[in-house]
Amino acid sequence: MKYPLILILLVGFSYCVNAEDAPLPSPTQGSTTNGPTTITSDSLDLNLGKKLGRKQGIFRGNVTVDEPRFTMSSREMTVFFAENDAVQSLEARDDVVIKRKDGSSETSSEKALYDMTDKKLTLLKVTRQPKIISKDKTVFADKIILYPEEDKMLTEGASRVMLQKP
């Protein structure tokens, strides 16, 4: 099933480890950042009613996010909405893989959180370290925090960087 949903927050997932070599275009540059974001999954549970608790959509099974700059896959994803139905945050779980369409990086994690307020993507270790692979380096850490709009990355816990010749 396809569930179209415009998720501007997902632009944040397009962070590139080698941002100094290929800076992210701003949302107003070119057509690479324009266009819909489509989430495909085996099922969707959507709760937008105020009486039923927190507004959220839970996508389950073969979740794929297709966005102009990247694709993301996971087994499950929860999207949380504010009172005005704007996307507030999301949590992707189980085999989260984010690939930039330009081929410059691939991110894998067991769990990924994106907070719209702080514009922060957090990749978390459950049983194995998340990693970011680019053309010239691979980063592993217990926790990787990305600030895509600032081209900034922080790691917490055990961290390792492997440098490769391009």
Protein backbone atom coordinates (compact mmCIF):
# COMPACT_ATOMS: atom_id res chain seq x y z
CA MET A 1 0.00 0.00 0.00
CA LYS A 2 1.18 3.54 -0.63
CA TYR A 3 0.53 6.34 1.83
CA PRO A 4 1.63 9.71 0.46
CA LEU A 5 2.66 12.05 3.24
CA ILE A 6 4.65 15.25 2.94
CA LEU A 7 7.35 15.03 5.60
CA ILE A 8 9.58 18.04 5.36
CA LEU A 9 11.44 16.77 8.38
CA LEU A 10 12.83 13.91 6.34
CA VAL A 11 15.03 16.35 4.47
CA GLY A 12 17.09 16.12 7.65
CA PHE A 13 17.95 12.53 6.85
CA SER A 14 19.93 13.65 3.85
CA TYR A 15 22.92 14.64 5.98
CA CYS A 16 26.19 13.66 4.39
CA VAL A 17 29.26 12.69 6.43
CA ASN A 18 31.52 14.31 3.87
CA ALA A 19 29.52 17.52 3.84
CA GLU A 20 32.65 19.60 3.24
CA ASP A 21 32.97 17.92 -0.16
CA ALA A 22 29.28 18.02 -1.11
CA PRO A 23 27.29 20.54 0.93
CA LEU A 24 23.56 20.04 1.08
CA PRO A 25 21.53 22.27 -1.19
CA SER A 26 19.06 24.54 0.54
CA PRO A 27 15.36 23.67 0.15
CA THR A 28 15.03 26.51 -2.35
CA GLN A 29 17.82 25.32 -4.67
CA GLY A 30 16.87 23.32 -7.74
CA SER A 31 14.35 20.56 -8.05
CA THR A 32 16.32 17.97 -6.10
CA THR A 33 14.66 18.98 -2.84
CA ASN A 34 11.19 19.67 -4.21
CA GLY A 35 8.55 17.04 -4.56
CA PRO A 36 6.52 14.76 -2.38
CA THR A 37 7.73 12.29 0.17
CA THR A 38 6.00 8.93 -0.10
CA ILE A 39 5.94 6.32 2.63
CA THR A 40 5.12 2.76 1.56
CA SER A 41 4.43 0.01 4.09
CA ASP A 42 2.49 -3.21 4.54
CA SER A 43 0.11 -1.51 7.02
CA LEU A 44 -0.68 1.83 8.62
CA ASP A 45 -2.41 2.62 11.91
CA LEU A 46 -3.35 6.31 11.95
CA ASN A 47 -4.61 8.12 15.04
CA LEU A 48 -5.39 11.80 14.50
CA GLY A 49 -8.22 12.04 17.03
CA LYS A 50 -7.67 14.17 20.12
CA LYS A 51 -9.69 11.81 22.33
CA LEU A 52 -7.59 8.81 21.43
CA GLY A 53 -4.29 10.06 22.86
CA ARG A 54 -1.22 11.35 21.06
CA LYS A 55 -1.66 11.91 17.32
CA GLN A 56 0.50 9.45 15.42
CA GLY A 57 0.82 7.17 12.45
CA ILE A 58 2.49 3.78 12.78
CA PHE A 59 3.81 2.25 9.57
CA ARG A 60 4.59 -1.47 9.84
CA GLY A 61 6.33 -3.96 7.58
CA ASN A 62 8.66 -3.15 4.68
CA VAL A 63 8.56 0.58 5.38
CA THR A 64 10.15 2.61 2.59
CA VAL A 65 10.43 6.39 2.47
CA ASP A 66 11.11 7.87 -0.95
CA GLU A 67 12.16 11.51 -0.89
CA PRO A 68 13.85 13.55 -3.65
CA ARG A 69 17.32 13.35 -2.02
CA PHE A 70 17.28 9.99 -0.24
CA THR A 71 15.51 6.72 0.44
CA MET A 72 15.02 5.21 3.86
CA SER A 73 13.89 1.74 4.81
CA SER A 74 12.97 0.18 8.14
CA ARG A 75 10.63 -2.45 9.50
CA GLU A 76 8.55 0.03 11.50
CA MET A 77 8.16 3.80 11.80
CA THR A 78 6.07 6.02 14.03
CA VAL A 79 5.33 9.59 12.96
CA PHE A 80 4.15 11.92 15.76
CA PHE A 81 1.96 14.94 14.99
CA ALA A 82 1.43 18.23 16.86
CA GLU A 83 -2.04 19.56 17.70
CA ASN A 84 -2.12 21.40 14.35
CA ASP A 85 -1.34 18.08 12.53
CA ALA A 86 2.19 19.23 11.61
CA VAL A 87 4.85 16.53 11.88
CA GLN A 88 6.58 16.86 15.25
CA SER A 89 8.99 13.91 15.27
CA LEU A 90 9.49 10.39 14.03
CA GLU A 91 11.03 7.16 15.20
CA ALA A 92 12.21 4.47 12.76
CA ARG A 93 13.00 1.03 14.16
CA ASP A 94 14.63 -2.21 13.07
CA ASP A 95 17.14 -2.23 10.22
CA VAL A 96 17.01 1.49 9.44
CA VAL A 97 18.96 2.25 6.26
CA ILE A 98 19.20 5.74 4.74
CA LYS A 99 20.80 6.11 1.29
CA ARG A 100 21.45 9.41 -0.44
CA LYS A 101 20.34 9.24 -4.06
CA ASP A 102 23.58 10.89 -5.18
CA GLY A 103 25.44 7.89 -3.73
CA SER A 104 27.56 9.98 -1.36
CA SER A 105 26.60 8.20 1.87
CA GLU A 106 24.70 5.37 3.47
CA THR A 107 23.59 5.27 7.10
CA SER A 108 22.48 2.19 9.01
CA SER A 109 21.11 1.92 12.51
CA GLU A 110 18.73 -0.17 14.57
CA LYS A 111 16.84 2.94 15.67
CA ALA A 112 16.66 6.50 14.35
CA LEU A 113 14.89 9.49 15.93
CA TYR A 114 14.22 12.81 14.24
CA ASP A 115 13.11 15.85 16.28
CA MET A 116 11.60 18.70 14.25
CA THR A 117 12.05 21.24 17.05
CA ASP A 118 15.79 20.72 17.40
CA LYS A 119 16.25 19.64 13.76
CA LYS A 120 18.27 16.73 15.06
CA LEU A 121 18.64 13.15 13.81
CA THR A 122 19.82 10.64 16.40
CA LEU A 123 21.04 7.17 15.43
CA LEU A 124 20.99 4.78 18.40
CA LYS A 125 22.68 1.52 19.31
CA VAL A 126 20.39 -1.27 20.45
CA THR A 127 22.67 -4.30 20.01
CA ARG A 128 25.11 -2.94 17.39
CA GLN A 129 26.61 0.46 16.69
CA PRO A 130 25.05 2.67 14.03
CA LYS A 131 27.35 3.62 11.17
CA ILE A 132 27.68 6.17 8.41
CA ILE A 133 29.59 5.17 5.28
CA SER A 134 30.79 7.78 2.79
CA LYS A 135 33.31 7.62 -0.03
CA ASP A 136 36.27 8.50 2.20
CA LYS A 137 35.26 7.46 5.74
CA THR A 138 33.12 5.21 7.89
CA VAL A 139 31.95 6.37 11.31
CA PHE A 140 30.78 3.99 14.05
CA ALA A 141 29.52 5.08 17.47
CA ASP A 142 27.13 4.06 20.22
CA LYS A 143 25.13 7.18 19.42
CA ILE A 144 25.47 9.44 16.39
CA ILE A 145 23.74 12.81 16.46
CA LEU A 146 23.39 14.70 13.18
CA TYR A 147 22.37 18.33 12.75
CA PRO A 148 21.75 18.36 8.98
CA GLU A 149 21.07 22.09 8.67
CA GLU A 150 24.40 22.87 10.34
CA ASP A 151 26.42 20.09 8.63
CA LYS A 152 27.39 18.98 12.12
CA MET A 153 27.88 15.52 13.63
CA LEU A 154 28.48 14.47 17.24
CA THR A 155 29.14 11.01 18.61
CA GLU A 156 28.67 9.66 22.12
CA GLY A 157 30.04 6.51 23.69
CA ALA A 158 32.53 4.26 21.97
CA SER A 159 33.37 5.88 18.61
CA ARG A 160 35.57 4.90 15.70
CA VAL A 161 36.38 6.50 12.33
CA MET A 162 37.94 4.52 9.49
CA LEU A 163 39.48 6.67 6.74
CA GLN A 164 39.66 5.32 3.20
CA LYS A 165 41.42 6.75 0.18
CA PRO A 166 38.81 8.07 -2.26
